[in-house]
Amino acid sequence: MNGILLVVTNMPDAQSAAKLAQQIIEARAAACVNQLAPCASTYRWQGSIETATEVPLLIKTTKAAYPRLEKLIREGHPYELPEIIAVSVDAGLPAYLGWVCNETEINKE
């Protein structure tokens, strides 16, 4: 199945992660959002090494829905530069991948 993406972003806390996940699903910008346990992130930002606790989101979507998804993340994200990484899915259970396609169609009610 072509056109499936796994998108990763990190939110600063569980409440903002849950809110964004809800918005994404309501907009049919993704079929499923997994909110993972908080993790420690270490990164360089504006010349300094930073450490923060973040809540990862794993988002299953399609290439067609990706522009809507990216817009929602950018609008709902408190970071100046949010992590948004999309990885193409080369293989998976065909029925699941079909479900992802079906759930991201915007003509559904």
PDB file of N, CA and C in Angstrom:
ATOM      1  N   MET A   1       0.867  -1.178   0.000  1.00  0.00           N
ATOM      2  CA  MET A   1       0.000   0.000   0.000  1.00  0.00           C
ATOM      3  C   MET A   1       0.900   1.222   0.000  1.00  0.00           C
ATOM      4  N   ASN A   2       0.792   2.034  -1.008  1.00  0.00           N
ATOM      5  CA  ASN A   2       1.606   3.232  -1.132  1.00  0.00           C
ATOM      6  C   ASN A   2       0.946   4.409  -0.427  1.00  0.00           C
ATOM      7  N   GLY A   3       1.741   5.354   0.022  1.00  0.00           N
ATOM      8  CA  GLY A   3       1.201   6.592   0.536  1.00  0.00           C
ATOM      9  C   GLY A   3       0.930   6.644   2.020  1.00  0.00           C
ATOM     10  N   ILE A   4       1.346   5.651   2.784  1.00  0.00           N
ATOM     11  CA  ILE A   4       1.149   5.668   4.233  1.00  0.00           C
ATOM     12  C   ILE A   4       2.383   6.274   4.886  1.00  0.00           C
ATOM     13  N   LEU A   5       2.159   7.125   5.901  1.00  0.00           N
ATOM     14  CA  LEU A   5       3.246   7.762   6.645  1.00  0.00           C
ATOM     15  C   LEU A   5       3.097   7.506   8.140  1.00  0.00           C
ATOM     16  N   LEU A   6       4.223   7.398   8.811  1.00  0.00           N
ATOM     17  CA  LEU A   6       4.284   7.419  10.267  1.00  0.00           C
ATOM     18  C   LEU A   6       4.946   8.744  10.612  1.00  0.00           C
ATOM     19  N   VAL A   7       4.222   9.604  11.315  1.00  0.00           N
ATOM     20  CA  VAL A   7       4.719  10.938  11.653  1.00  0.00           C
ATOM     21  C   VAL A   7       4.988  10.982  13.149  1.00  0.00           C
ATOM     22  N   VAL A   8       6.119  11.567  13.501  1.00  0.00           N
ATOM     23  CA  VAL A   8       6.527  11.682  14.903  1.00  0.00           C
ATOM     24  C   VAL A   8       6.607  13.157  15.271  1.00  0.00           C
ATOM     25  N   THR A   9       6.060  13.494  16.420  1.00  0.00           N
ATOM     26  CA  THR A   9       6.252  14.811  17.016  1.00  0.00           C
ATOM     27  C   THR A   9       6.304  14.630  18.525  1.00  0.00           C
ATOM     28  N   ASN A  10       6.836  15.612  19.212  1.00  0.00           N
ATOM     29  CA  ASN A  10       6.909  15.587  20.672  1.00  0.00           C
ATOM     30  C   ASN A  10       6.219  16.819  21.229  1.00  0.00           C
ATOM     31  N   MET A  11       5.428  16.621  22.269  1.00  0.00           N
ATOM     32  CA  MET A  11       4.737  17.718  22.942  1.00  0.00           C
ATOM     33  C   MET A  11       5.348  17.901  24.333  1.00  0.00           C
ATOM     34  N   PRO A  12       5.163  19.077  24.943  1.00  0.00           N
ATOM     35  CA  PRO A  12       5.800  19.335  26.232  1.00  0.00           C
ATOM     36  C   PRO A  12       5.144  18.636  27.425  1.00  0.00           C
ATOM     37  N   ASP A  13       3.880  18.196  27.270  1.00  0.00           N
ATOM     38  CA  ASP A  13       3.195  17.544  28.395  1.00  0.00           C
ATOM     39  C   ASP A  13       2.023  16.710  27.889  1.00  0.00           C
ATOM     40  N   ALA A  14       1.483  15.885  28.770  1.00  0.00           N
ATOM     41  CA  ALA A  14       0.407  14.967  28.384  1.00  0.00           C
ATOM     42  C   ALA A  14      -0.862  15.696  27.974  1.00  0.00           C
ATOM     43  N   GLN A  15      -1.177  16.796  28.632  1.00  0.00           N
ATOM     44  CA  GLN A  15      -2.406  17.534  28.317  1.00  0.00           C
ATOM     45  C   GLN A  15      -2.350  18.122  26.906  1.00  0.00           C
ATOM     46  N   SER A  16      -1.251  18.757  26.546  1.00  0.00           N
ATOM     47  CA  SER A  16      -1.147  19.328  25.199  1.00  0.00           C
ATOM     48  C   SER A  16      -1.078  18.219  24.152  1.00  0.00           C
ATOM     49  N   ALA A  17      -0.458  17.089  24.489  1.00  0.00           N
ATOM     50  CA  ALA A  17      -0.395  15.955  23.564  1.00  0.00           C
ATOM     51  C   ALA A  17      -1.793  15.396  23.309  1.00  0.00           C
ATOM     52  N   ALA A  18      -2.589  15.225  24.347  1.00  0.00           N
ATOM     53  CA  ALA A  18      -3.950  14.693  24.205  1.00  0.00           C
ATOM     54  C   ALA A  18      -4.830  15.655  23.413  1.00  0.00           C
ATOM     55  N   LYS A  19      -4.682  16.942  23.655  1.00  0.00           N
ATOM     56  CA  LYS A  19      -5.471  17.944  22.936  1.00  0.00           C
ATOM     57  C   LYS A  19      -5.145  17.914  21.451  1.00  0.00           C
ATOM     58  N   LEU A  20      -3.857  17.877  21.116  1.00  0.00           N
ATOM     59  CA  LEU A  20      -3.456  17.839  19.712  1.00  0.00           C
ATOM     60  C   LEU A  20      -3.926  16.543  19.052  1.00  0.00           C
ATOM     61  N   ALA A  21      -3.785  15.416  19.741  1.00  0.00           N
ATOM     62  CA  ALA A  21      -4.238  14.131  19.191  1.00  0.00           C
ATOM     63  C   ALA A  21      -5.728  14.185  18.858  1.00  0.00           C
ATOM     64  N   GLN A  22      -6.518  14.739  19.738  1.00  0.00           N
ATOM     65  CA  GLN A  22      -7.965  14.857  19.516  1.00  0.00           C
ATOM     66  C   GLN A  22      -8.253  15.715  18.287  1.00  0.00           C
ATOM     67  N   GLN A  23      -7.568  16.838  18.162  1.00  0.00           N
ATOM     68  CA  GLN A  23      -7.768  17.729  17.016  1.00  0.00           C
ATOM     69  C   GLN A  23      -7.407  17.033  15.703  1.00  0.00           C
ATOM     70  N   ILE A  24      -6.316  16.288  15.728  1.00  0.00           N
ATOM     71  CA  ILE A  24      -5.861  15.579  14.526  1.00  0.00           C
ATOM     72  C   ILE A  24      -6.894  14.552  14.074  1.00  0.00           C
ATOM     73  N   ILE A  25      -7.417  13.771  15.010  1.00  0.00           N
ATOM     74  CA  ILE A  25      -8.402  12.738  14.665  1.00  0.00           C
ATOM     75  C   ILE A  25      -9.712  13.373  14.219  1.00  0.00           C
ATOM     76  N   GLU A  26     -10.157  14.410  14.913  1.00  0.00           N
ATOM     77  CA  GLU A  26     -11.396  15.082  14.527  1.00  0.00           C
ATOM     78  C   GLU A  26     -11.321  15.635  13.104  1.00  0.00           C
ATOM     79  N   ALA A  27     -10.153  16.117  12.696  1.00  0.00           N
ATOM     80  CA  ALA A  27      -9.964  16.688  11.360  1.00  0.00           C
ATOM     81  C   ALA A  27      -9.683  15.631  10.296  1.00  0.00           C
ATOM     82  N   ARG A  28      -9.651  14.367  10.684  1.00  0.00           N
ATOM     83  CA  ARG A  28      -9.310  13.266   9.773  1.00  0.00           C
ATOM     84  C   ARG A  28      -7.948  13.471   9.127  1.00  0.00           C
ATOM     85  N   ALA A  29      -7.050  14.128   9.863  1.00  0.00           N
ATOM     86  CA  ALA A  29      -5.684  14.322   9.375  1.00  0.00           C
ATOM     87  C   ALA A  29      -4.833  13.090   9.644  1.00  0.00           C
ATOM     88  N   ALA A  30      -5.354  12.162  10.425  1.00  0.00           N
ATOM     89  CA  ALA A  30      -4.701  10.884  10.709  1.00  0.00           C
ATOM     90  C   ALA A  30      -5.760   9.884  11.141  1.00  0.00           C
ATOM     91  N   ALA A  31      -5.410   8.612  11.041  1.00  0.00           N
ATOM     92  CA  ALA A  31      -6.325   7.551  11.466  1.00  0.00           C
ATOM     93  C   ALA A  31      -6.136   7.212  12.937  1.00  0.00           C
ATOM     94  N   CYS A  32      -4.915   7.382  13.439  1.00  0.00           N
ATOM     95  CA  CYS A  32      -4.599   6.981  14.807  1.00  0.00           C
ATOM     96  C   CYS A  32      -3.422   7.804  15.316  1.00  0.00           C
ATOM     97  N   VAL A  33      -3.493   8.190  16.579  1.00  0.00           N
ATOM     98  CA  VAL A  33      -2.386   8.875  17.241  1.00  0.00           C
ATOM     99  C   VAL A  33      -2.089   8.125  18.535  1.00  0.00           C
ATOM    100  N   ASN A  34      -0.872   7.637  18.672  1.00  0.00           N
ATOM    101  CA  ASN A  34      -0.439   7.002  19.917  1.00  0.00           C
ATOM    102  C   ASN A  34       0.299   8.028  20.752  1.00  0.00           C
ATOM    103  N   GLN A  35      -0.177   8.237  21.966  1.00  0.00           N
ATOM    104  CA  GLN A  35       0.497   9.115  22.922  1.00  0.00           C
ATOM    105  C   GLN A  35       1.339   8.231  23.818  1.00  0.00           C
ATOM    106  N   LEU A  36       2.645   8.378  23.722  1.00  0.00           N
ATOM    107  CA  LEU A  36       3.561   7.528  24.474  1.00  0.00           C
ATOM    108  C   LEU A  36       3.869   8.126  25.839  1.00  0.00           C
ATOM    109  N   ALA A  37       4.567   7.350  26.650  1.00  0.00           N
ATOM    110  CA  ALA A  37       4.974   7.800  27.982  1.00  0.00           C
ATOM    111  C   ALA A  37       5.987   8.935  27.851  1.00  0.00           C
ATOM    112  N   PRO A  38       6.008   9.836  28.806  1.00  0.00           N
ATOM    113  CA  PRO A  38       6.998  10.916  28.769  1.00  0.00           C
ATOM    114  C   PRO A  38       8.416  10.361  28.677  1.00  0.00           C
ATOM    115  N   CYS A  39       9.258  11.102  27.981  1.00  0.00           N
ATOM    116  CA  CYS A  39      10.646  10.705  27.826  1.00  0.00           C
ATOM    117  C   CYS A  39      11.534  11.931  28.023  1.00  0.00           C
ATOM    118  N   ALA A  40      12.808  11.687  28.251  1.00  0.00           N
ATOM    119  CA  ALA A  40      13.781  12.768  28.373  1.00  0.00           C
ATOM    120  C   ALA A  40      14.405  13.013  27.011  1.00  0.00           C
ATOM    121  N   SER A  41      14.402  14.258  26.581  1.00  0.00           N
ATOM    122  CA  SER A  41      15.021  14.635  25.316  1.00  0.00           C
ATOM    123  C   SER A  41      16.207  15.556  25.597  1.00  0.00           C
ATOM    124  N   THR A  42      17.319  15.292  24.941  1.00  0.00           N
ATOM    125  CA  THR A  42      18.503  16.136  25.037  1.00  0.00           C
ATOM    126  C   THR A  42      18.833  16.616  23.636  1.00  0.00           C
ATOM    127  N   TYR A  43      19.017  17.907  23.490  1.00  0.00           N
ATOM    128  CA  TYR A  43      19.216  18.490  22.169  1.00  0.00           C
ATOM    129  C   TYR A  43      19.963  19.818  22.286  1.00  0.00           C
ATOM    130  N   ARG A  44      20.506  20.256  21.163  1.00  0.00           N
ATOM    131  CA  ARG A  44      21.157  21.559  21.117  1.00  0.00           C
ATOM    132  C   ARG A  44      20.151  22.552  20.548  1.00  0.00           C
ATOM    133  N   TRP A  45      19.940  23.667  21.243  1.00  0.00           N
ATOM    134  CA  TRP A  45      19.015  24.690  20.782  1.00  0.00           C
ATOM    135  C   TRP A  45      19.644  26.053  21.004  1.00  0.00           C
ATOM    136  N   GLN A  46      19.798  26.792  19.928  1.00  0.00           N
ATOM    137  CA  GLN A  46      20.352  28.142  19.952  1.00  0.00           C
ATOM    138  C   GLN A  46      21.679  28.198  20.704  1.00  0.00           C
ATOM    139  N   GLY A  47      22.539  27.219  20.416  1.00  0.00           N
ATOM    140  CA  GLY A  47      23.885  27.197  20.960  1.00  0.00           C
ATOM    141  C   GLY A  47      24.048  26.580  22.329  1.00  0.00           C
ATOM    142  N   SER A  48      22.959  26.150  22.950  1.00  0.00           N
ATOM    143  CA  SER A  48      23.042  25.543  24.281  1.00  0.00           C
ATOM    144  C   SER A  48      22.504  24.124  24.241  1.00  0.00           C
ATOM    145  N   ILE A  49      23.048  23.275  25.092  1.00  0.00           N
ATOM    146  CA  ILE A  49      22.510  21.920  25.242  1.00  0.00           C
ATOM    147  C   ILE A  49      21.375  21.986  26.249  1.00  0.00           C
ATOM    148  N   GLU A  50      20.223  21.492  25.827  1.00  0.00           N
ATOM    149  CA  GLU A  50      19.002  21.538  26.630  1.00  0.00           C
ATOM    150  C   GLU A  50      18.541  20.110  26.944  1.00  0.00           C
ATOM    151  N   THR A  51      17.819  19.968  28.034  1.00  0.00           N
ATOM    152  CA  THR A  51      17.161  18.718  28.384  1.00  0.00           C
ATOM    153  C   THR A  51      15.727  19.049  28.774  1.00  0.00           C
ATOM    154  N   ALA A  52      14.791  18.265  28.260  1.00  0.00           N
ATOM    155  CA  ALA A  52      13.375  18.501  28.557  1.00  0.00           C
ATOM    156  C   ALA A  52      12.644  17.175  28.616  1.00  0.00           C
ATOM    157  N   THR A  53      11.576  17.150  29.379  1.00  0.00           N
ATOM    158  CA  THR A  53      10.661  16.015  29.369  1.00  0.00           C
ATOM    159  C   THR A  53       9.622  16.295  28.296  1.00  0.00           C
ATOM    160  N   GLU A  54       9.398  15.319  27.412  1.00  0.00           N
ATOM    161  CA  GLU A  54       8.447  15.485  26.323  1.00  0.00           C
ATOM    162  C   GLU A  54       7.569  14.246  26.201  1.00  0.00           C
ATOM    163  N   VAL A  55       6.433  14.420  25.547  1.00  0.00           N
ATOM    164  CA  VAL A  55       5.496  13.325  25.307  1.00  0.00           C
ATOM    165  C   VAL A  55       5.458  13.064  23.801  1.00  0.00           C
ATOM    166  N   PRO A  56       5.997  11.920  23.360  1.00  0.00           N
ATOM    167  CA  PRO A  56       6.001  11.602  21.933  1.00  0.00           C
ATOM    168  C   PRO A  56       4.611  11.202  21.429  1.00  0.00           C
ATOM    169  N   LEU A  57       4.333  11.616  20.202  1.00  0.00           N
ATOM    170  CA  LEU A  57       3.137  11.180  19.500  1.00  0.00           C
ATOM    171  C   LEU A  57       3.565  10.446  18.238  1.00  0.00           C
ATOM    172  N   LEU A  58       2.994   9.261  18.020  1.00  0.00           N
ATOM    173  CA  LEU A  58       3.177   8.504  16.786  1.00  0.00           C
ATOM    174  C   LEU A  58       1.866   8.605  16.016  1.00  0.00           C
ATOM    175  N   ILE A  59       1.931   9.168  14.835  1.00  0.00           N
ATOM    176  CA  ILE A  59       0.729   9.511  14.081  1.00  0.00           C
ATOM    177  C   ILE A  59       0.717   8.732  12.764  1.00  0.00           C
ATOM    178  N   LYS A  60      -0.362   7.990  12.525  1.00  0.00           N
ATOM    179  CA  LYS A  60      -0.500   7.220  11.287  1.00  0.00           C
ATOM    180  C   LYS A  60      -1.412   7.971  10.338  1.00  0.00           C
ATOM    181  N   THR A  61      -0.878   8.309   9.158  1.00  0.00           N
ATOM    182  CA  THR A  61      -1.619   9.113   8.196  1.00  0.00           C
ATOM    183  C   THR A  61      -1.237   8.714   6.779  1.00  0.00           C
ATOM    184  N   THR A  62      -1.680   9.505   5.821  1.00  0.00           N
ATOM    185  CA  THR A  62      -1.353   9.278   4.415  1.00  0.00           C
ATOM    186  C   THR A  62      -0.627  10.503   3.859  1.00  0.00           C
ATOM    187  N   LYS A  63       0.033  10.304   2.736  1.00  0.00           N
ATOM    188  CA  LYS A  63       0.692  11.445   2.081  1.00  0.00           C
ATOM    189  C   LYS A  63      -0.335  12.496   1.686  1.00  0.00           C
ATOM    190  N   ALA A  64      -1.518  12.069   1.271  1.00  0.00           N
ATOM    191  CA  ALA A  64      -2.571  13.015   0.889  1.00  0.00           C
ATOM    192  C   ALA A  64      -3.035  13.860   2.079  1.00  0.00           C
ATOM    193  N   ALA A  65      -3.085  13.267   3.269  1.00  0.00           N
ATOM    194  CA  ALA A  65      -3.548  13.985   4.464  1.00  0.00           C
ATOM    195  C   ALA A  65      -2.425  14.743   5.169  1.00  0.00           C
ATOM    196  N   TYR A  66      -1.182  14.485   4.782  1.00  0.00           N
ATOM    197  CA  TYR A  66      -0.044  15.092   5.480  1.00  0.00           C
ATOM    198  C   TYR A  66      -0.097  16.622   5.542  1.00  0.00           C
ATOM    199  N   PRO A  67      -0.439  17.337   4.472  1.00  0.00           N
ATOM    200  CA  PRO A  67      -0.483  18.799   4.589  1.00  0.00           C
ATOM    201  C   PRO A  67      -1.448  19.292   5.687  1.00  0.00           C
ATOM    202  N   ARG A  68      -2.612  18.641   5.807  1.00  0.00           N
ATOM    203  CA  ARG A  68      -3.563  19.000   6.878  1.00  0.00           C
ATOM    204  C   ARG A  68      -2.956  18.715   8.238  1.00  0.00           C
ATOM    205  N   LEU A  69      -2.297  17.559   8.351  1.00  0.00           N
ATOM    206  CA  LEU A  69      -1.677  17.172   9.609  1.00  0.00           C
ATOM    207  C   LEU A  69      -0.586  18.158  10.002  1.00  0.00           C
ATOM    208  N   GLU A  70       0.308  18.468   9.078  1.00  0.00           N
ATOM    209  CA  GLU A  70       1.396  19.396   9.394  1.00  0.00           C
ATOM    210  C   GLU A  70       0.841  20.757   9.838  1.00  0.00           C
ATOM    211  N   LYS A  71      -0.193  21.234   9.169  1.00  0.00           N
ATOM    212  CA  LYS A  71      -0.810  22.511   9.536  1.00  0.00           C
ATOM    213  C   LYS A  71      -1.359  22.460  10.963  1.00  0.00           C
ATOM    214  N   LEU A  72      -2.042  21.383  11.306  1.00  0.00           N
ATOM    215  CA  LEU A  72      -2.595  21.241  12.662  1.00  0.00           C
ATOM    216  C   LEU A  72      -1.487  21.200  13.711  1.00  0.00           C
ATOM    217  N   ILE A  73      -0.427  20.458  13.427  1.00  0.00           N
ATOM    218  CA  ILE A  73       0.683  20.379  14.389  1.00  0.00           C
ATOM    219  C   ILE A  73       1.307  21.757  14.569  1.00  0.00           C
ATOM    220  N   ARG A  74       1.586  22.433  13.467  1.00  0.00           N
ATOM    221  CA  ARG A  74       2.226  23.757  13.556  1.00  0.00           C
ATOM    222  C   ARG A  74       1.347  24.750  14.309  1.00  0.00           C
ATOM    223  N   GLU A  75       0.035  24.717  14.073  1.00  0.00           N
ATOM    224  CA  GLU A  75      -0.884  25.638  14.735  1.00  0.00           C
ATOM    225  C   GLU A  75      -1.075  25.299  16.216  1.00  0.00           C
ATOM    226  N   GLY A  76      -1.042  24.008  16.557  1.00  0.00           N
ATOM    227  CA  GLY A  76      -1.325  23.587  17.918  1.00  0.00           C
ATOM    228  C   GLY A  76      -0.105  23.340  18.780  1.00  0.00           C
ATOM    229  N   HIS A  77       1.062  23.576  18.239  1.00  0.00           N
ATOM    230  CA  HIS A  77       2.307  23.257  18.948  1.00  0.00           C
ATOM    231  C   HIS A  77       2.884  24.499  19.599  1.00  0.00           C
ATOM    232  N   PRO A  78       3.268  24.407  20.862  1.00  0.00           N
ATOM    233  CA  PRO A  78       3.811  25.590  21.536  1.00  0.00           C
ATOM    234  C   PRO A  78       5.276  25.889  21.209  1.00  0.00           C
ATOM    235  N   TYR A  79       5.987  24.941  20.606  1.00  0.00           N
ATOM    236  CA  TYR A  79       7.406  25.157  20.317  1.00  0.00           C
ATOM    237  C   TYR A  79       7.585  26.080  19.109  1.00  0.00           C
ATOM    238  N   GLU A  80       8.635  26.866  19.145  1.00  0.00           N
ATOM    239  CA  GLU A  80       9.003  27.711  18.017  1.00  0.00           C
ATOM    240  C   GLU A  80       9.323  26.859  16.785  1.00  0.00           C
ATOM    241  N   LEU A  81       9.998  25.744  17.009  1.00  0.00           N
ATOM    242  CA  LEU A  81      10.378  24.826  15.930  1.00  0.00           C
ATOM    243  C   LEU A  81       9.985  23.405  16.347  1.00  0.00           C
ATOM    244  N   PRO A  82       8.746  22.985  16.046  1.00  0.00           N
ATOM    245  CA  PRO A  82       8.318  21.649  16.460  1.00  0.00           C
ATOM    246  C   PRO A  82       8.983  20.560  15.623  1.00  0.00           C
ATOM    247  N   GLU A  83       9.256  19.453  16.274  1.00  0.00           N
ATOM    248  CA  GLU A  83       9.734  18.275  15.548  1.00  0.00           C
ATOM    249  C   GLU A  83       8.553  17.696  14.788  1.00  0.00           C
ATOM    250  N   ILE A  84       8.702  17.585  13.480  1.00  0.00           N
ATOM    251  CA  ILE A  84       7.720  16.898  12.644  1.00  0.00           C
ATOM    252  C   ILE A  84       8.525  16.069  11.658  1.00  0.00           C
ATOM    253  N   ILE A  85       8.522  14.764  11.873  1.00  0.00           N
ATOM    254  CA  ILE A  85       9.274  13.848  11.018  1.00  0.00           C
ATOM    255  C   ILE A  85       8.295  12.831  10.446  1.00  0.00           C
ATOM    256  N   ALA A  86       8.289  12.725   9.115  1.00  0.00           N
ATOM    257  CA  ALA A  86       7.416  11.766   8.443  1.00  0.00           C
ATOM    258  C   ALA A  86       8.267  10.677   7.808  1.00  0.00           C
ATOM    259  N   VAL A  87       7.913   9.436   8.107  1.00  0.00           N
ATOM    260  CA  VAL A  87       8.625   8.276   7.580  1.00  0.00           C
ATOM    261  C   VAL A  87       7.653   7.474   6.721  1.00  0.00           C
ATOM    262  N   SER A  88       8.047   7.173   5.498  1.00  0.00           N
ATOM    263  CA  SER A  88       7.202   6.364   4.616  1.00  0.00           C
ATOM    264  C   SER A  88       7.130   4.935   5.142  1.00  0.00           C
ATOM    265  N   VAL A  89       5.940   4.370   5.095  1.00  0.00           N
ATOM    266  CA  VAL A  89       5.721   2.985   5.506  1.00  0.00           C
ATOM    267  C   VAL A  89       5.795   2.136   4.245  1.00  0.00           C
ATOM    268  N   ASP A  90       6.779   1.243   4.192  1.00  0.00           N
ATOM    269  CA  ASP A  90       6.980   0.401   3.017  1.00  0.00           C
ATOM    270  C   ASP A  90       6.141  -0.870   3.040  1.00  0.00           C
ATOM    271  N   ALA A  91       5.782  -1.322   4.232  1.00  0.00           N
ATOM    272  CA  ALA A  91       5.009  -2.562   4.344  1.00  0.00           C
ATOM    273  C   ALA A  91       4.214  -2.525   5.641  1.00  0.00           C
ATOM    274  N   GLY A  92       3.169  -3.331   5.677  1.00  0.00           N
ATOM    275  CA  GLY A  92       2.334  -3.441   6.862  1.00  0.00           C
ATOM    276  C   GLY A  92       1.147  -4.325   6.543  1.00  0.00           C
ATOM    277  N   LEU A  93       0.363  -4.622   7.529  1.00  0.00           N
ATOM    278  CA  LEU A  93      -0.837  -5.422   7.344  1.00  0.00           C
ATOM    279  C   LEU A  93      -1.762  -4.684   6.376  1.00  0.00           C
ATOM    280  N   PRO A  94      -2.060  -5.262   5.219  1.00  0.00           N
ATOM    281  CA  PRO A  94      -2.868  -4.557   4.221  1.00  0.00           C
ATOM    282  C   PRO A  94      -4.197  -4.025   4.758  1.00  0.00           C
ATOM    283  N   ALA A  95      -4.869  -4.785   5.583  1.00  0.00           N
ATOM    284  CA  ALA A  95      -6.153  -4.326   6.122  1.00  0.00           C
ATOM    285  C   ALA A  95      -5.968  -3.090   7.004  1.00  0.00           C
ATOM    286  N   TYR A  96      -4.892  -3.054   7.799  1.00  0.00           N
ATOM    287  CA  TYR A  96      -4.625  -1.891   8.653  1.00  0.00           C
ATOM    288  C   TYR A  96      -4.289  -0.669   7.801  1.00  0.00           C
ATOM    289  N   LEU A  97      -3.446  -0.860   6.796  1.00  0.00           N
ATOM    290  CA  LEU A  97      -3.065   0.252   5.935  1.00  0.00           C
ATOM    291  C   LEU A  97      -4.275   0.781   5.159  1.00  0.00           C
ATOM    292  N   GLY A  98      -5.153  -0.098   4.771  1.00  0.00           N
ATOM    293  CA  GLY A  98      -6.393   0.322   4.129  1.00  0.00           C
ATOM    294  C   GLY A  98      -7.268   1.128   5.061  1.00  0.00           C
ATOM    295  N   TRP A  99      -7.306   0.722   6.334  1.00  0.00           N
ATOM    296  CA  TRP A  99      -8.061   1.461   7.347  1.00  0.00           C
ATOM    297  C   TRP A  99      -7.508   2.873   7.504  1.00  0.00           C
ATOM    298  N   VAL A 100      -6.175   3.007   7.520  1.00  0.00           N
ATOM    299  CA  VAL A 100      -5.558   4.333   7.624  1.00  0.00           C
ATOM    300  C   VAL A 100      -6.015   5.201   6.457  1.00  0.00           C
ATOM    301  N   CYS A 101      -5.989   4.665   5.264  1.00  0.00           N
ATOM    302  CA  CYS A 101      -6.440   5.412   4.088  1.00  0.00           C
ATOM    303  C   CYS A 101      -7.903   5.827   4.220  1.00  0.00           C
ATOM    304  N   ASN A 102      -8.728   4.882   4.623  1.00  0.00           N
ATOM    305  CA  ASN A 102     -10.157   5.140   4.759  1.00  0.00           C
ATOM    306  C   ASN A 102     -10.447   6.221   5.801  1.00  0.00           C
ATOM    307  N   GLU A 103      -9.787   6.181   6.921  1.00  0.00           N
ATOM    308  CA  GLU A 103     -10.050   7.113   8.022  1.00  0.00           C
ATOM    309  C   GLU A 103      -9.519   8.515   7.787  1.00  0.00           C
ATOM    310  N   THR A 104      -8.659   8.686   6.798  1.00  0.00           N
ATOM    311  CA  THR A 104      -8.131  10.024   6.524  1.00  0.00           C
ATOM    312  C   THR A 104      -8.818  10.693   5.333  1.00  0.00           C
ATOM    313  N   GLU A 105      -9.820  10.031   4.774  1.00  0.00           N
ATOM    314  CA  GLU A 105     -10.590  10.639   3.696  1.00  0.00           C
ATOM    315  C   GLU A 105     -11.468  11.740   4.273  1.00  0.00           C
ATOM    316  N   ILE A 106     -11.403  12.922   3.684  1.00  0.00           N
ATOM    317  CA  ILE A 106     -12.144  14.046   4.265  1.00  0.00           C
ATOM    318  C   ILE A 106     -13.612  14.074   3.874  1.00  0.00           C
ATOM    319  N   ASN A 107     -14.046  13.236   2.961  1.00  0.00           N
ATOM    320  CA  ASN A 107     -15.456  13.207   2.569  1.00  0.00           C
ATOM    321  C   ASN A 107     -16.288  12.322   3.463  1.00  0.00           C
ATOM    322  N   LYS A 108     -15.691  11.741   4.499  1.00  0.00           N
ATOM    323  CA  LYS A 108     -16.413  10.852   5.420  1.00  0.00           C
ATOM    324  C   LYS A 108     -17.211  11.700   6.417  1.00  0.00           C
ATOM    325  N   GLU A 109     -18.251  11.100   6.987  1.00  0.00           N
ATOM    326  CA  GLU A 109     -19.018  11.797   8.013  1.00  0.00           C
ATOM    327  C   GLU A 109     -18.920  11.109   9.327  1.00  0.00           C
TER     328      GLU A 109
END
